[in-house]
C-alpha atoms as a PDB file:
ATOM      1  CA  MET A   1       0.157  -0.539  -0.200  1.00  0.00           C
ATOM      2  CA  LYS A   2       2.911   2.106   0.496  1.00  0.00           C
ATOM      3  CA  SER A   3       4.073   2.224  -3.068  1.00  0.00           C
ATOM      4  CA  ILE A   4       1.552   2.133  -4.377  1.00  0.00           C
ATOM      5  CA  LYS A   5       1.362   5.901  -1.989  1.00  0.00           C
ATOM      6  CA  THR A   6       4.860   7.214  -3.666  1.00  0.00           C
ATOM      7  CA  PHE A   7       4.083   5.722  -7.103  1.00  0.00           C
ATOM      8  CA  VAL A   8       1.067   8.010  -7.300  1.00  0.00           C
ATOM      9  CA  ALA A   9       3.183  11.132  -5.341  1.00  0.00           C
ATOM     10  CA  VAL A  10       5.607  10.415  -8.147  1.00  0.00           C
ATOM     11  CA  ILE A  11       3.246  10.402 -10.675  1.00  0.00           C
ATOM     12  CA  ALA A  12       2.239  13.637  -9.479  1.00  0.00           C
ATOM     13  CA  LEU A  13       5.071  15.619  -8.847  1.00  0.00           C
ATOM     14  CA  ALA A  14       6.804  14.493 -11.863  1.00  0.00           C
ATOM     15  CA  THR A  15       3.338  15.816 -14.626  1.00  0.00           C
ATOM     16  CA  SER A  16       3.181  18.941 -12.255  1.00  0.00           C
ATOM     17  CA  PHE A  17       6.865  20.140 -13.355  1.00  0.00           C
ATOM     18  CA  GLY A  18       6.933  21.779 -16.968  1.00  0.00           C
ATOM     19  CA  SER A  19      10.562  21.603 -17.423  1.00  0.00           C
ATOM     20  CA  PHE A  20      12.395  18.950 -18.346  1.00  0.00           C
ATOM     21  CA  ALA A  21      15.789  20.075 -17.186  1.00  0.00           C
ATOM     22  CA  ALA A  22      16.576  16.169 -15.442  1.00  0.00           C
ATOM     23  CA  GLN A  23      12.865  15.050 -14.950  1.00  0.00           C
ATOM     24  CA  SER A  24      13.088  11.858 -13.527  1.00  0.00           C
ATOM     25  CA  VAL A  25      10.036   9.154 -13.337  1.00  0.00           C
ATOM     26  CA  THR A  26       9.858   6.088 -11.212  1.00  0.00           C
ATOM     27  CA  ALA A  27       7.639   3.049 -11.225  1.00  0.00           C
ATOM     28  CA  THR A  28       6.670  -0.447  -9.461  1.00  0.00           C
ATOM     29  CA  ASP A  29       5.841  -3.618 -10.815  1.00  0.00           C
ATOM     30  CA  LEU A  30       5.765  -7.359 -10.600  1.00  0.00           C
ATOM     31  CA  THR A  31       8.127  -7.860 -13.951  1.00  0.00           C
ATOM     32  CA  LEU A  32      10.790  -5.717 -15.407  1.00  0.00           C
ATOM     33  CA  SER A  33       8.321  -5.523 -18.414  1.00  0.00           C
ATOM     34  CA  GLY A  34       5.337  -4.080 -16.876  1.00  0.00           C
ATOM     35  CA  ALA A  35       7.354  -1.274 -14.635  1.00  0.00           C
ATOM     36  CA  GLU A  36       8.909  -0.672 -18.288  1.00  0.00           C
ATOM     37  CA  SER A  37       5.173  -0.056 -19.417  1.00  0.00           C
ATOM     38  CA  LYS A  38       4.766   2.678 -16.892  1.00  0.00           C
ATOM     39  CA  ILE A  39       7.457   3.847 -17.939  1.00  0.00           C
ATOM     40  CA  ALA A  40       6.624   4.486 -21.023  1.00  0.00           C
ATOM     41  CA  ALA A  41       3.298   5.054 -20.699  1.00  0.00           C
ATOM     42  CA  GLN A  42       4.605   8.414 -18.215  1.00  0.00           C
ATOM     43  CA  ALA A  43       6.877   9.450 -20.960  1.00  0.00           C
ATOM     44  CA  GLN A  44       4.010   9.826 -23.231  1.00  0.00           C
ATOM     45  CA  GLN A  45       1.925  11.644 -20.792  1.00  0.00           C
ATOM     46  CA  ALA A  46       4.526  13.671 -20.032  1.00  0.00           C
ATOM     47  CA  GLY A  47       4.812  14.318 -23.866  1.00  0.00           C
ATOM     48  CA  ALA A  48       8.712  13.254 -23.572  1.00  0.00           C
ATOM     49  CA  SER A  49      10.246  12.118 -27.234  1.00  0.00           C
ATOM     50  CA  SER A  50      12.402   9.245 -24.655  1.00  0.00           C
ATOM     51  CA  TYR A  51      13.695   8.324 -21.850  1.00  0.00           C
ATOM     52  CA  GLN A  52      16.775   6.728 -20.729  1.00  0.00           C
ATOM     53  CA  ILE A  53      16.429   3.744 -17.357  1.00  0.00           C
ATOM     54  CA  THR A  54      18.560   4.884 -15.256  1.00  0.00           C
ATOM     55  CA  GLU A  55      18.287   1.939 -12.646  1.00  0.00           C
ATOM     56  CA  ALA A  56      15.940  -0.992 -11.698  1.00  0.00           C
ATOM     57  CA  TYR A  57      16.595  -3.047  -9.095  1.00  0.00           C
ATOM     58  CA  THR A  58      14.331  -5.952  -7.886  1.00  0.00           C
ATOM     59  CA  GLY A  59      13.118  -7.302  -4.543  1.00  0.00           C
ATOM     60  CA  ASN A  60       9.748  -8.379  -3.911  1.00  0.00           C
ATOM     61  CA  GLN A  61       8.909  -6.240  -7.374  1.00  0.00           C
ATOM     62  CA  VAL A  62      10.100  -4.342  -9.578  1.00  0.00           C
ATOM     63  CA  HIS A  63      11.413  -0.890  -9.273  1.00  0.00           C
ATOM     64  CA  MET A  64      12.543   1.420 -12.475  1.00  0.00           C
ATOM     65  CA  THR A  65      13.164   4.994 -12.237  1.00  0.00           C
ATOM     66  CA  ALA A  66      14.398   6.729 -15.788  1.00  0.00           C
ATOM     67  CA  GLU A  67      14.922  10.142 -17.128  1.00  0.00           C
ATOM     68  CA  LEU A  68      12.337  11.616 -19.518  1.00  0.00           C
ATOM     69  CA  ASN A  69      13.981  13.310 -22.586  1.00  0.00           C
ATOM     70  CA  LYS A  70      12.433  16.281 -24.693  1.00  0.00           C
END
């Protein structure tokens, strides 16, 4: 439950910034492909032309961070 609240807060903060200067997004999922799909959706919603995954690690679930490029 805590990770869902954190995920929602990160999305809200990421979409509120108008600048792409070092804008990063995070996602969590049970699989790598699921987390990457969430990153791709956030990048598309933010109007980014591409993204670069900068961090990914697993525990009970996958956590992924990416930088958005305009």
